[in-house]
Amino acid sequence: MNLDAALKLQAWLSPAFPTGAFAYSHGLEWAVECRDIRDRETLRAWMDDLLRFGTGRTDAIILRATRAGADLAELARAVAGSRERLLETAAQGAAFGAASVPWGGAPADAPYPVGVGRLAAAHGIDPDHAVAAYLQAFAANLISAAVRLVPLGQSTGLAVLAALAGTILAVTEETRAATLDDLGTACFRSDIAAMRHETQYTRLFRS
C-alpha cells in the first residue's frame, strides 16, 4: 500500500473521524449486563464471532462490492438485523459522508460500509487494505465500549485487539472471493443482544 492510501485510511477510520462511532455498542451493552461478556476471553470470543460470522464479514462483503462499483445502499439497510443496528450503520454512514468532503466525498444517505467503499473506490484504494482497516476500526470501537462497560483495563482491551489481528486478516482474505450471494450471519446471540438493548433499562450507548 502506498503512503498516500495509508494516510487516507488512517484518517477516515481513526477514532477521531467524526462518525459518532463511540456512541454505539452494537448490542455489547446488553451482552455485558447479562454477563455474556465479562472478561478478556469472553470479549475476545464475542468479537471473533462478530468478525467471522456477523456484521464484520457482512460489512466486508458490502464494502468490497461497493468498491467494485455496485450501489448497495438499500441492501446494506436491509441486512441490518434490528432497528438499532440500522440506526448505527445509517447514522455513521451519514456522518462519514459529511466528514469526508475534504477528500472529495459528499453527504449521502448511505450506510457506513457503503460510504467507506465509495470513498475507497474514488481514491483507488486497494480493497484488501480498505477491508482490513475497516474491520480493525470496527473491532477497536467495540473493544473500547467493552473496556468502559465491563469494565476492563486499557491494557486488556489492547491485548484483545492484538489477539484479533489474525481474525481480521482471515476475514479480509476469505471475503476476497465472496459475492453478494454469500451475505448472511450466524451470530444469533449478538442479534438478540441488539434487540434487547432497545428496551434495556439503563443505557450508555445508542445501540
N, C-alpha and C. Protein backbone atom coordinates (compact mmCIF):
# COMPACT_ATOMS: atom_id res chain seq x y z
N MET A 1 0.85 -1.19 0.00
CA MET A 1 0.00 0.00 0.00
C MET A 1 0.89 1.24 0.00
N ASN A 2 0.61 2.19 -0.88
CA ASN A 2 1.40 3.41 -0.90
C ASN A 2 1.05 4.29 0.29
N LEU A 3 1.94 5.21 0.61
CA LEU A 3 1.78 6.03 1.81
C LEU A 3 0.55 6.93 1.74
N ASP A 4 0.22 7.40 0.56
CA ASP A 4 -0.96 8.27 0.42
C ASP A 4 -2.23 7.52 0.82
N ALA A 5 -2.37 6.28 0.33
CA ALA A 5 -3.54 5.48 0.68
C ALA A 5 -3.55 5.17 2.17
N ALA A 6 -2.40 4.87 2.73
CA ALA A 6 -2.32 4.56 4.16
C ALA A 6 -2.76 5.75 5.00
N LEU A 7 -2.31 6.95 4.62
CA LEU A 7 -2.69 8.15 5.37
C LEU A 7 -4.20 8.39 5.29
N LYS A 8 -4.77 8.15 4.11
CA LYS A 8 -6.21 8.36 3.96
C LYS A 8 -7.01 7.38 4.82
N LEU A 9 -6.64 6.11 4.79
CA LEU A 9 -7.37 5.13 5.60
C LEU A 9 -7.20 5.41 7.09
N GLN A 10 -6.01 5.82 7.50
CA GLN A 10 -5.80 6.15 8.91
C GLN A 10 -6.67 7.32 9.33
N ALA A 11 -6.83 8.29 8.44
CA ALA A 11 -7.67 9.45 8.76
C ALA A 11 -9.14 9.06 8.80
N TRP A 12 -9.61 8.38 7.75
CA TRP A 12 -11.04 8.08 7.64
C TRP A 12 -11.53 7.13 8.73
N LEU A 13 -10.67 6.20 9.16
CA LEU A 13 -11.10 5.16 10.09
C LEU A 13 -10.51 5.36 11.48
N SER A 14 -10.00 6.54 11.72
CA SER A 14 -9.49 6.90 13.04
C SER A 14 -10.64 7.15 14.00
N PRO A 15 -10.45 6.88 15.30
CA PRO A 15 -11.49 7.23 16.29
C PRO A 15 -11.80 8.73 16.29
N ALA A 16 -10.86 9.54 15.79
CA ALA A 16 -11.08 10.98 15.76
C ALA A 16 -11.95 11.43 14.59
N PHE A 17 -12.17 10.55 13.60
CA PHE A 17 -13.02 10.91 12.47
C PHE A 17 -14.46 10.97 12.97
N PRO A 18 -15.16 12.08 12.74
CA PRO A 18 -16.45 12.31 13.43
C PRO A 18 -17.64 11.53 12.86
N THR A 19 -17.60 10.21 13.04
CA THR A 19 -18.76 9.39 12.65
C THR A 19 -19.70 9.14 13.84
N GLY A 20 -19.26 9.47 15.05
CA GLY A 20 -20.07 9.19 16.22
C GLY A 20 -20.03 7.75 16.66
N ALA A 21 -19.03 6.99 16.19
CA ALA A 21 -18.96 5.55 16.49
C ALA A 21 -18.90 5.27 17.98
N PHE A 22 -18.31 6.19 18.74
CA PHE A 22 -18.17 5.98 20.19
C PHE A 22 -19.52 5.86 20.90
N ALA A 23 -20.58 6.30 20.26
CA ALA A 23 -21.90 6.28 20.90
C ALA A 23 -22.63 4.95 20.72
N TYR A 24 -22.04 4.00 19.98
CA TYR A 24 -22.72 2.74 19.67
C TYR A 24 -21.94 1.55 20.25
N SER A 25 -22.68 0.58 20.78
CA SER A 25 -22.02 -0.62 21.32
C SER A 25 -22.37 -1.88 20.55
N HIS A 26 -23.24 -1.79 19.54
CA HIS A 26 -23.56 -2.94 18.70
C HIS A 26 -24.17 -4.09 19.54
N GLY A 27 -24.90 -3.72 20.59
CA GLY A 27 -25.50 -4.73 21.46
C GLY A 27 -24.62 -5.19 22.60
N LEU A 28 -23.35 -4.75 22.64
CA LEU A 28 -22.45 -5.18 23.71
C LEU A 28 -22.96 -4.76 25.09
N GLU A 29 -23.67 -3.65 25.14
CA GLU A 29 -24.14 -3.17 26.45
C GLU A 29 -25.07 -4.20 27.10
N TRP A 30 -25.93 -4.80 26.30
CA TRP A 30 -26.80 -5.84 26.86
C TRP A 30 -26.00 -7.10 27.14
N ALA A 31 -25.05 -7.45 26.28
CA ALA A 31 -24.23 -8.64 26.48
C ALA A 31 -23.42 -8.54 27.77
N VAL A 32 -22.99 -7.34 28.11
CA VAL A 32 -22.26 -7.15 29.37
C VAL A 32 -23.22 -7.27 30.55
N GLU A 33 -24.41 -6.70 30.41
CA GLU A 33 -25.37 -6.76 31.52
C GLU A 33 -25.77 -8.20 31.84
N CYS A 34 -25.92 -9.03 30.83
CA CYS A 34 -26.33 -10.41 31.07
C CYS A 34 -25.13 -11.35 31.26
N ARG A 35 -23.93 -10.76 31.31
CA ARG A 35 -22.71 -11.49 31.64
C ARG A 35 -22.21 -12.41 30.53
N ASP A 36 -22.70 -12.22 29.31
CA ASP A 36 -22.09 -12.92 28.17
C ASP A 36 -20.66 -12.44 27.98
N ILE A 37 -20.45 -11.14 28.18
CA ILE A 37 -19.12 -10.55 28.13
C ILE A 37 -18.77 -10.07 29.54
N ARG A 38 -17.70 -10.62 30.09
CA ARG A 38 -17.36 -10.30 31.49
C ARG A 38 -15.86 -10.20 31.74
N ASP A 39 -15.05 -10.61 30.76
CA ASP A 39 -13.61 -10.57 30.95
C ASP A 39 -12.93 -10.60 29.58
N ARG A 40 -11.61 -10.67 29.61
CA ARG A 40 -10.82 -10.62 28.37
C ARG A 40 -11.22 -11.73 27.40
N GLU A 41 -11.33 -12.95 27.86
CA GLU A 41 -11.57 -14.07 26.96
C GLU A 41 -12.98 -14.05 26.37
N THR A 42 -13.98 -13.70 27.17
CA THR A 42 -15.34 -13.66 26.63
C THR A 42 -15.49 -12.51 25.64
N LEU A 43 -14.79 -11.41 25.85
CA LEU A 43 -14.81 -10.32 24.87
C LEU A 43 -14.12 -10.74 23.58
N ARG A 44 -12.97 -11.40 23.70
CA ARG A 44 -12.26 -11.85 22.51
C ARG A 44 -13.10 -12.82 21.69
N ALA A 45 -13.74 -13.77 22.37
CA ALA A 45 -14.57 -14.76 21.67
C ALA A 45 -15.77 -14.09 20.99
N TRP A 46 -16.40 -13.14 21.67
CA TRP A 46 -17.55 -12.43 21.11
C TRP A 46 -17.13 -11.67 19.85
N MET A 47 -16.01 -10.95 19.94
CA MET A 47 -15.54 -10.17 18.80
C MET A 47 -15.08 -11.07 17.65
N ASP A 48 -14.46 -12.18 17.98
CA ASP A 48 -14.03 -13.12 16.94
C ASP A 48 -15.23 -13.62 16.13
N ASP A 49 -16.30 -13.96 16.83
CA ASP A 49 -17.51 -14.41 16.14
C ASP A 49 -18.13 -13.30 15.29
N LEU A 50 -18.18 -12.08 15.84
CA LEU A 50 -18.75 -10.96 15.09
C LEU A 50 -17.99 -10.72 13.79
N LEU A 51 -16.68 -10.83 13.86
CA LEU A 51 -15.87 -10.60 12.68
C LEU A 51 -16.01 -11.73 11.66
N ARG A 52 -16.00 -12.96 12.13
CA ARG A 52 -16.02 -14.12 11.22
C ARG A 52 -17.41 -14.44 10.68
N PHE A 53 -18.42 -14.28 11.54
CA PHE A 53 -19.76 -14.79 11.18
C PHE A 53 -20.86 -13.75 11.29
N GLY A 54 -20.52 -12.51 11.65
CA GLY A 54 -21.54 -11.50 11.87
C GLY A 54 -21.35 -10.25 11.02
N THR A 55 -21.56 -9.12 11.64
CA THR A 55 -21.53 -7.84 10.94
C THR A 55 -20.19 -7.57 10.27
N GLY A 56 -19.09 -7.99 10.91
CA GLY A 56 -17.79 -7.75 10.31
C GLY A 56 -17.69 -8.35 8.91
N ARG A 57 -18.06 -9.60 8.79
CA ARG A 57 -17.99 -10.28 7.49
C ARG A 57 -18.97 -9.66 6.49
N THR A 58 -20.19 -9.40 6.94
CA THR A 58 -21.19 -8.82 6.05
C THR A 58 -20.75 -7.46 5.54
N ASP A 59 -20.27 -6.60 6.45
CA ASP A 59 -19.81 -5.27 6.03
C ASP A 59 -18.63 -5.37 5.08
N ALA A 60 -17.75 -6.35 5.31
CA ALA A 60 -16.60 -6.52 4.42
C ALA A 60 -17.05 -6.85 3.00
N ILE A 61 -18.03 -7.73 2.87
CA ILE A 61 -18.54 -8.11 1.55
C ILE A 61 -19.21 -6.91 0.88
N ILE A 62 -20.01 -6.17 1.64
CA ILE A 62 -20.68 -4.99 1.08
C ILE A 62 -19.67 -3.93 0.68
N LEU A 63 -18.67 -3.70 1.52
CA LEU A 63 -17.64 -2.72 1.19
C LEU A 63 -16.93 -3.10 -0.10
N ARG A 64 -16.57 -4.37 -0.24
CA ARG A 64 -15.88 -4.83 -1.44
C ARG A 64 -16.75 -4.63 -2.69
N ALA A 65 -18.00 -5.01 -2.59
CA ALA A 65 -18.88 -4.90 -3.75
C ALA A 65 -19.12 -3.44 -4.12
N THR A 66 -19.23 -2.57 -3.11
CA THR A 66 -19.37 -1.14 -3.38
C THR A 66 -18.10 -0.59 -4.00
N ARG A 67 -16.96 -1.03 -3.48
CA ARG A 67 -15.66 -0.60 -4.03
C ARG A 67 -15.55 -0.99 -5.50
N ALA A 68 -16.21 -2.08 -5.87
CA ALA A 68 -16.18 -2.54 -7.27
C ALA A 68 -17.21 -1.84 -8.15
N GLY A 69 -18.04 -0.98 -7.54
CA GLY A 69 -18.96 -0.18 -8.34
C GLY A 69 -20.44 -0.44 -8.12
N ALA A 70 -20.79 -1.41 -7.30
CA ALA A 70 -22.21 -1.70 -7.06
C ALA A 70 -22.83 -0.65 -6.14
N ASP A 71 -24.11 -0.37 -6.35
CA ASP A 71 -24.85 0.55 -5.49
C ASP A 71 -25.66 -0.28 -4.50
N LEU A 72 -25.17 -0.37 -3.27
CA LEU A 72 -25.74 -1.31 -2.32
C LEU A 72 -26.33 -0.64 -1.08
N ALA A 73 -26.70 0.61 -1.18
CA ALA A 73 -27.22 1.31 -0.01
C ALA A 73 -28.49 0.63 0.52
N GLU A 74 -29.40 0.29 -0.36
CA GLU A 74 -30.65 -0.33 0.09
C GLU A 74 -30.40 -1.73 0.65
N LEU A 75 -29.54 -2.48 0.02
CA LEU A 75 -29.22 -3.81 0.52
C LEU A 75 -28.56 -3.74 1.89
N ALA A 76 -27.65 -2.79 2.07
CA ALA A 76 -26.98 -2.64 3.36
C ALA A 76 -27.96 -2.30 4.47
N ARG A 77 -28.98 -1.54 4.15
CA ARG A 77 -30.03 -1.26 5.15
C ARG A 77 -30.84 -2.52 5.43
N ALA A 78 -31.13 -3.28 4.38
CA ALA A 78 -31.99 -4.45 4.52
C ALA A 78 -31.36 -5.53 5.38
N VAL A 79 -30.02 -5.64 5.37
CA VAL A 79 -29.39 -6.71 6.13
C VAL A 79 -29.13 -6.32 7.59
N ALA A 80 -29.44 -5.09 7.95
CA ALA A 80 -29.33 -4.71 9.36
C ALA A 80 -30.38 -5.50 10.15
N GLY A 81 -29.94 -6.17 11.21
CA GLY A 81 -30.80 -7.14 11.87
C GLY A 81 -31.81 -6.59 12.85
N SER A 82 -31.76 -5.30 13.17
CA SER A 82 -32.69 -4.72 14.15
C SER A 82 -32.74 -3.21 13.94
N ARG A 83 -33.67 -2.58 14.63
CA ARG A 83 -33.83 -1.13 14.49
C ARG A 83 -32.56 -0.39 14.87
N GLU A 84 -31.93 -0.80 15.96
CA GLU A 84 -30.73 -0.10 16.41
C GLU A 84 -29.52 -0.38 15.52
N ARG A 85 -29.45 -1.59 14.98
CA ARG A 85 -28.37 -1.87 14.03
C ARG A 85 -28.52 -0.99 12.79
N LEU A 86 -29.75 -0.78 12.34
CA LEU A 86 -29.99 0.09 11.20
C LEU A 86 -29.60 1.52 11.53
N LEU A 87 -30.00 2.00 12.72
CA LEU A 87 -29.62 3.33 13.16
C LEU A 87 -28.10 3.48 13.17
N GLU A 88 -27.43 2.48 13.70
CA GLU A 88 -25.97 2.52 13.84
C GLU A 88 -25.28 2.68 12.48
N THR A 89 -25.63 1.84 11.52
CA THR A 89 -24.95 1.90 10.23
C THR A 89 -25.38 3.12 9.42
N ALA A 90 -26.65 3.51 9.54
CA ALA A 90 -27.14 4.66 8.77
C ALA A 90 -26.58 5.97 9.31
N ALA A 91 -26.60 6.14 10.62
CA ALA A 91 -26.11 7.39 11.21
C ALA A 91 -24.61 7.54 11.02
N GLN A 92 -23.87 6.47 11.20
CA GLN A 92 -22.42 6.56 10.98
C GLN A 92 -22.09 6.80 9.51
N GLY A 93 -22.87 6.18 8.63
CA GLY A 93 -22.65 6.40 7.21
C GLY A 93 -22.90 7.84 6.81
N ALA A 94 -23.98 8.41 7.32
CA ALA A 94 -24.29 9.81 7.01
C ALA A 94 -23.20 10.74 7.54
N ALA A 95 -22.74 10.47 8.77
CA ALA A 95 -21.68 11.29 9.36
C ALA A 95 -20.37 11.13 8.59
N PHE A 96 -20.09 9.90 8.16
CA PHE A 96 -18.87 9.65 7.38
C PHE A 96 -18.90 10.44 6.08
N GLY A 97 -20.04 10.42 5.39
CA GLY A 97 -20.16 11.16 4.14
C GLY A 97 -19.93 12.64 4.33
N ALA A 98 -20.52 13.21 5.38
CA ALA A 98 -20.36 14.64 5.63
C ALA A 98 -18.92 14.99 5.98
N ALA A 99 -18.28 14.13 6.78
CA ALA A 99 -16.91 14.42 7.22
C ALA A 99 -15.88 14.20 6.11
N SER A 100 -16.24 13.43 5.09
CA SER A 100 -15.27 13.09 4.04
C SER A 100 -15.20 14.11 2.93
N VAL A 101 -15.95 15.20 3.05
CA VAL A 101 -15.97 16.22 1.99
C VAL A 101 -14.56 16.72 1.63
N PRO A 102 -13.65 16.97 2.60
CA PRO A 102 -12.31 17.43 2.21
C PRO A 102 -11.55 16.45 1.31
N TRP A 103 -11.95 15.19 1.29
CA TRP A 103 -11.32 14.19 0.43
C TRP A 103 -12.13 13.92 -0.85
N GLY A 104 -13.08 14.81 -1.11
CA GLY A 104 -13.88 14.64 -2.31
C GLY A 104 -15.15 13.85 -2.09
N GLY A 105 -15.43 13.49 -0.84
CA GLY A 105 -16.67 12.80 -0.53
C GLY A 105 -17.84 13.78 -0.55
N ALA A 106 -19.03 13.25 -0.32
CA ALA A 106 -20.21 14.10 -0.33
C ALA A 106 -21.22 13.57 0.67
N PRO A 107 -21.96 14.47 1.33
CA PRO A 107 -23.02 14.00 2.22
C PRO A 107 -23.97 13.09 1.44
N ALA A 108 -24.24 11.93 2.00
CA ALA A 108 -25.07 10.96 1.28
C ALA A 108 -25.80 10.08 2.28
N ASP A 109 -26.98 9.63 1.89
CA ASP A 109 -27.78 8.73 2.71
C ASP A 109 -27.35 7.30 2.41
N ALA A 110 -26.19 6.91 2.93
CA ALA A 110 -25.65 5.58 2.65
C ALA A 110 -25.12 4.97 3.93
N PRO A 111 -25.40 3.69 4.19
CA PRO A 111 -24.84 3.03 5.37
C PRO A 111 -23.31 3.08 5.37
N TYR A 112 -22.74 2.88 6.55
CA TYR A 112 -21.32 3.08 6.77
C TYR A 112 -20.42 2.30 5.81
N PRO A 113 -20.58 0.98 5.64
CA PRO A 113 -19.66 0.27 4.74
C PRO A 113 -19.78 0.72 3.29
N VAL A 114 -20.97 1.17 2.92
CA VAL A 114 -21.16 1.68 1.55
C VAL A 114 -20.40 2.99 1.39
N GLY A 115 -20.50 3.87 2.37
CA GLY A 115 -19.78 5.14 2.30
C GLY A 115 -18.29 4.95 2.22
N VAL A 116 -17.75 4.03 3.04
CA VAL A 116 -16.32 3.77 3.01
C VAL A 116 -15.92 3.15 1.68
N GLY A 117 -16.73 2.23 1.19
CA GLY A 117 -16.43 1.60 -0.10
C GLY A 117 -16.42 2.60 -1.24
N ARG A 118 -17.37 3.52 -1.24
CA ARG A 118 -17.42 4.53 -2.29
C ARG A 118 -16.18 5.42 -2.28
N LEU A 119 -15.78 5.86 -1.09
CA LEU A 119 -14.63 6.75 -1.00
C LEU A 119 -13.34 6.02 -1.35
N ALA A 120 -13.25 4.77 -0.92
CA ALA A 120 -12.07 3.97 -1.27
C ALA A 120 -11.98 3.79 -2.79
N ALA A 121 -13.12 3.58 -3.43
CA ALA A 121 -13.13 3.44 -4.88
C ALA A 121 -12.70 4.73 -5.56
N ALA A 122 -13.20 5.85 -5.06
CA ALA A 122 -12.88 7.15 -5.66
C ALA A 122 -11.39 7.45 -5.59
N HIS A 123 -10.71 6.91 -4.57
CA HIS A 123 -9.29 7.16 -4.41
C HIS A 123 -8.43 5.99 -4.85
N GLY A 124 -9.05 4.98 -5.46
CA GLY A 124 -8.30 3.86 -5.99
C GLY A 124 -7.58 3.04 -4.93
N ILE A 125 -8.15 2.97 -3.74
CA ILE A 125 -7.51 2.25 -2.65
C ILE A 125 -7.80 0.75 -2.77
N ASP A 126 -6.77 -0.04 -2.62
CA ASP A 126 -6.90 -1.49 -2.73
C ASP A 126 -7.99 -2.02 -1.80
N PRO A 127 -8.88 -2.87 -2.29
CA PRO A 127 -9.98 -3.36 -1.44
C PRO A 127 -9.52 -4.14 -0.23
N ASP A 128 -8.45 -4.93 -0.35
CA ASP A 128 -7.95 -5.65 0.82
C ASP A 128 -7.54 -4.69 1.92
N HIS A 129 -6.85 -3.63 1.56
CA HIS A 129 -6.41 -2.66 2.55
C HIS A 129 -7.59 -1.93 3.17
N ALA A 130 -8.58 -1.59 2.35
CA ALA A 130 -9.76 -0.90 2.87
C ALA A 130 -10.54 -1.80 3.83
N VAL A 131 -10.70 -3.07 3.47
CA VAL A 131 -11.44 -4.00 4.33
C VAL A 131 -10.71 -4.23 5.64
N ALA A 132 -9.41 -4.48 5.57
CA ALA A 132 -8.64 -4.73 6.80
C ALA A 132 -8.70 -3.53 7.73
N ALA A 133 -8.55 -2.33 7.19
CA ALA A 133 -8.60 -1.13 8.02
C ALA A 133 -9.99 -0.93 8.61
N TYR A 134 -11.02 -1.20 7.81
CA TYR A 134 -12.40 -1.07 8.29
C TYR A 134 -12.67 -2.04 9.44
N LEU A 135 -12.27 -3.29 9.28
CA LEU A 135 -12.51 -4.29 10.33
C LEU A 135 -11.73 -3.97 11.60
N GLN A 136 -10.52 -3.46 11.43
CA GLN A 136 -9.72 -3.06 12.59
C GLN A 136 -10.43 -1.95 13.36
N ALA A 137 -10.96 -0.97 12.64
CA ALA A 137 -11.66 0.14 13.28
C ALA A 137 -12.94 -0.34 13.95
N PHE A 138 -13.67 -1.25 13.29
CA PHE A 138 -14.89 -1.83 13.85
C PHE A 138 -14.59 -2.53 15.17
N ALA A 139 -13.55 -3.37 15.17
CA ALA A 139 -13.19 -4.10 16.38
C ALA A 139 -12.71 -3.16 17.47
N ALA A 140 -11.88 -2.19 17.13
CA ALA A 140 -11.33 -1.27 18.12
C ALA A 140 -12.43 -0.47 18.80
N ASN A 141 -13.44 -0.06 18.02
CA ASN A 141 -14.52 0.74 18.61
C ASN A 141 -15.34 -0.08 19.61
N LEU A 142 -15.64 -1.32 19.26
CA LEU A 142 -16.44 -2.15 20.17
C LEU A 142 -15.63 -2.56 21.40
N ILE A 143 -14.35 -2.80 21.22
CA ILE A 143 -13.50 -3.10 22.37
C ILE A 143 -13.44 -1.91 23.31
N SER A 144 -13.36 -0.72 22.76
CA SER A 144 -13.37 0.49 23.59
C SER A 144 -14.66 0.59 24.40
N ALA A 145 -15.79 0.24 23.78
CA ALA A 145 -17.07 0.23 24.51
C ALA A 145 -17.03 -0.79 25.64
N ALA A 146 -16.51 -1.98 25.37
CA ALA A 146 -16.44 -3.03 26.38
C ALA A 146 -15.52 -2.65 27.53
N VAL A 147 -14.41 -1.97 27.22
CA VAL A 147 -13.49 -1.51 28.26
C VAL A 147 -14.22 -0.63 29.26
N ARG A 148 -15.13 0.20 28.77
CA ARG A 148 -15.89 1.09 29.64
C ARG A 148 -17.03 0.37 30.36
N LEU A 149 -17.62 -0.62 29.71
CA LEU A 149 -18.82 -1.25 30.24
C LEU A 149 -18.54 -2.34 31.26
N VAL A 150 -17.52 -3.17 31.05
CA VAL A 150 -17.35 -4.37 31.89
C VAL A 150 -17.10 -4.04 33.36
N PRO A 151 -16.15 -3.17 33.74
CA PRO A 151 -15.11 -2.53 32.94
C PRO A 151 -13.86 -3.40 32.84
N LEU A 152 -13.04 -3.10 31.84
CA LEU A 152 -11.76 -3.75 31.65
C LEU A 152 -10.67 -2.69 31.60
N GLY A 153 -9.45 -3.04 31.93
CA GLY A 153 -8.36 -2.10 31.82
C GLY A 153 -8.00 -1.84 30.37
N GLN A 154 -7.39 -0.70 30.12
CA GLN A 154 -7.00 -0.36 28.76
C GLN A 154 -6.03 -1.39 28.20
N SER A 155 -5.13 -1.90 29.04
CA SER A 155 -4.16 -2.89 28.55
C SER A 155 -4.86 -4.18 28.15
N THR A 156 -5.94 -4.54 28.84
CA THR A 156 -6.72 -5.72 28.46
C THR A 156 -7.39 -5.51 27.11
N GLY A 157 -7.94 -4.33 26.91
CA GLY A 157 -8.56 -4.03 25.63
C GLY A 157 -7.57 -4.10 24.49
N LEU A 158 -6.37 -3.58 24.70
CA LEU A 158 -5.35 -3.64 23.66
C LEU A 158 -4.91 -5.07 23.39
N ALA A 159 -4.86 -5.89 24.44
CA ALA A 159 -4.49 -7.30 24.26
C ALA A 159 -5.53 -8.03 23.41
N VAL A 160 -6.80 -7.71 23.63
CA VAL A 160 -7.86 -8.33 22.82
C VAL A 160 -7.74 -7.89 21.36
N LEU A 161 -7.49 -6.60 21.14
CA LEU A 161 -7.34 -6.11 19.77
C LEU A 161 -6.16 -6.79 19.08
N ALA A 162 -5.06 -6.94 19.79
CA ALA A 162 -3.89 -7.62 19.22
C ALA A 162 -4.21 -9.08 18.88
N ALA A 163 -4.98 -9.72 19.75
CA ALA A 163 -5.33 -11.13 19.53
C ALA A 163 -6.25 -11.32 18.33
N LEU A 164 -6.94 -10.27 17.92
CA LEU A 164 -7.88 -10.36 16.80
C LEU A 164 -7.24 -10.09 15.45
N ALA A 165 -5.96 -9.76 15.44
CA ALA A 165 -5.30 -9.43 14.17
C ALA A 165 -5.40 -10.58 13.18
N GLY A 166 -5.18 -11.79 13.64
CA GLY A 166 -5.27 -12.95 12.75
C GLY A 166 -6.66 -13.13 12.19
N THR A 167 -7.67 -12.86 13.01
CA THR A 167 -9.06 -12.97 12.55
C THR A 167 -9.35 -11.93 11.48
N ILE A 168 -8.90 -10.71 11.72
CA ILE A 168 -9.13 -9.63 10.75
C ILE A 168 -8.49 -9.97 9.41
N LEU A 169 -7.28 -10.49 9.45
CA LEU A 169 -6.61 -10.87 8.21
C LEU A 169 -7.32 -12.04 7.53
N ALA A 170 -7.82 -12.98 8.32
CA ALA A 170 -8.51 -14.14 7.75
C ALA A 170 -9.81 -13.72 7.08
N VAL A 171 -10.57 -12.83 7.72
CA VAL A 171 -11.83 -12.37 7.13
C VAL A 171 -11.55 -11.54 5.88
N THR A 172 -10.50 -10.75 5.92
CA THR A 172 -10.12 -9.98 4.73
C THR A 172 -9.83 -10.92 3.57
N GLU A 173 -9.11 -11.98 3.82
CA GLU A 173 -8.78 -12.93 2.76
C GLU A 173 -10.00 -13.73 2.31
N GLU A 174 -10.81 -14.17 3.28
CA GLU A 174 -11.96 -15.02 2.97
C GLU A 174 -13.01 -14.28 2.15
N THR A 175 -13.15 -12.98 2.38
CA THR A 175 -14.18 -12.22 1.65
C THR A 175 -13.71 -11.76 0.28
N ARG A 176 -12.44 -12.00 -0.04
CA ARG A 176 -11.90 -11.54 -1.32
C ARG A 176 -12.67 -12.16 -2.49
N ALA A 177 -13.05 -13.40 -2.36
CA ALA A 177 -13.76 -14.09 -3.44
C ALA A 177 -15.27 -14.16 -3.19
N ALA A 178 -15.73 -13.53 -2.13
CA ALA A 178 -17.15 -13.61 -1.79
C ALA A 178 -17.99 -12.75 -2.73
N THR A 179 -19.22 -13.16 -2.92
CA THR A 179 -20.18 -12.38 -3.70
C THR A 179 -21.36 -12.02 -2.81
N LEU A 180 -22.30 -11.29 -3.35
CA LEU A 180 -23.47 -10.91 -2.57
C LEU A 180 -24.30 -12.14 -2.19
N ASP A 181 -24.16 -13.23 -2.91
CA ASP A 181 -24.84 -14.47 -2.55
C ASP A 181 -24.31 -15.04 -1.24
N ASP A 182 -23.14 -14.60 -0.83
CA ASP A 182 -22.53 -15.09 0.41
C ASP A 182 -22.92 -14.27 1.63
N LEU A 183 -23.73 -13.24 1.44
CA LEU A 183 -24.17 -12.44 2.58
C LEU A 183 -25.00 -13.28 3.54
N GLY A 184 -24.81 -13.04 4.81
CA GLY A 184 -25.57 -13.76 5.83
C GLY A 184 -24.76 -13.83 7.11
N THR A 185 -25.46 -13.94 8.23
CA THR A 185 -24.78 -14.00 9.51
C THR A 185 -25.26 -15.21 10.30
N ALA A 186 -24.47 -15.56 11.32
CA ALA A 186 -24.85 -16.65 12.21
C ALA A 186 -24.57 -16.29 13.66
N CYS A 187 -24.57 -15.00 13.95
CA CYS A 187 -24.33 -14.52 15.32
C CYS A 187 -25.66 -14.20 15.99
N PHE A 188 -26.43 -15.24 16.27
CA PHE A 188 -27.79 -15.03 16.76
C PHE A 188 -27.81 -14.36 18.13
N ARG A 189 -26.86 -14.73 18.98
CA ARG A 189 -26.82 -14.11 20.32
C ARG A 189 -26.54 -12.62 20.21
N SER A 190 -25.69 -12.22 19.28
CA SER A 190 -25.43 -10.81 19.07
C SER A 190 -26.67 -10.09 18.54
N ASP A 191 -27.40 -10.73 17.63
CA ASP A 191 -28.63 -10.13 17.11
C ASP A 191 -29.66 -9.96 18.23
N ILE A 192 -29.76 -10.95 19.09
CA ILE A 192 -30.69 -10.86 20.23
C ILE A 192 -30.25 -9.73 21.16
N ALA A 193 -28.94 -9.61 21.38
CA ALA A 193 -28.43 -8.55 22.25
C ALA A 193 -28.81 -7.18 21.71
N ALA A 194 -28.71 -7.00 20.38
CA ALA A 194 -29.06 -5.73 19.77
C ALA A 194 -30.55 -5.43 19.95
N MET A 195 -31.41 -6.45 19.84
CA MET A 195 -32.85 -6.25 20.03
C MET A 195 -33.19 -5.98 21.49
N ARG A 196 -32.55 -6.70 22.38
CA ARG A 196 -32.81 -6.49 23.81
C ARG A 196 -32.34 -5.11 24.26
N HIS A 197 -31.30 -4.61 23.63
CA HIS A 197 -30.79 -3.30 24.02
C HIS A 197 -31.81 -2.20 23.80
N GLU A 198 -32.70 -2.39 22.85
CA GLU A 198 -33.71 -1.38 22.55
C GLU A 198 -34.56 -1.05 23.77
N THR A 199 -34.76 -2.03 24.65
CA THR A 199 -35.61 -1.81 25.84
C THR A 199 -34.83 -1.96 27.14
N GLN A 200 -33.51 -1.95 27.05
CA GLN A 200 -32.69 -2.06 28.26
C GLN A 200 -32.95 -0.85 29.16
N TYR A 201 -33.06 -1.10 30.46
CA TYR A 201 -33.49 -0.04 31.39
C TYR A 201 -32.45 1.08 31.47
N THR A 202 -31.19 0.73 31.73
CA THR A 202 -30.12 1.72 31.82
C THR A 202 -29.19 1.56 30.63
N ARG A 203 -29.00 2.64 29.89
CA ARG A 203 -28.19 2.57 28.67
C ARG A 203 -27.22 3.74 28.61
N LEU A 204 -25.97 3.43 28.27
CA LEU A 204 -24.97 4.46 27.99
C LEU A 204 -24.79 4.67 26.51
N PHE A 205 -25.16 3.67 25.71
CA PHE A 205 -24.91 3.69 24.26
C PHE A 205 -26.22 3.69 23.48
N ARG A 206 -26.14 4.07 22.22
CA ARG A 206 -27.33 4.14 21.37
C ARG A 206 -27.69 2.80 20.76
N SER A 207 -26.78 1.83 20.80
CA SER A 207 -27.10 0.50 20.26
C SER A 207 -26.37 -0.56 21.06
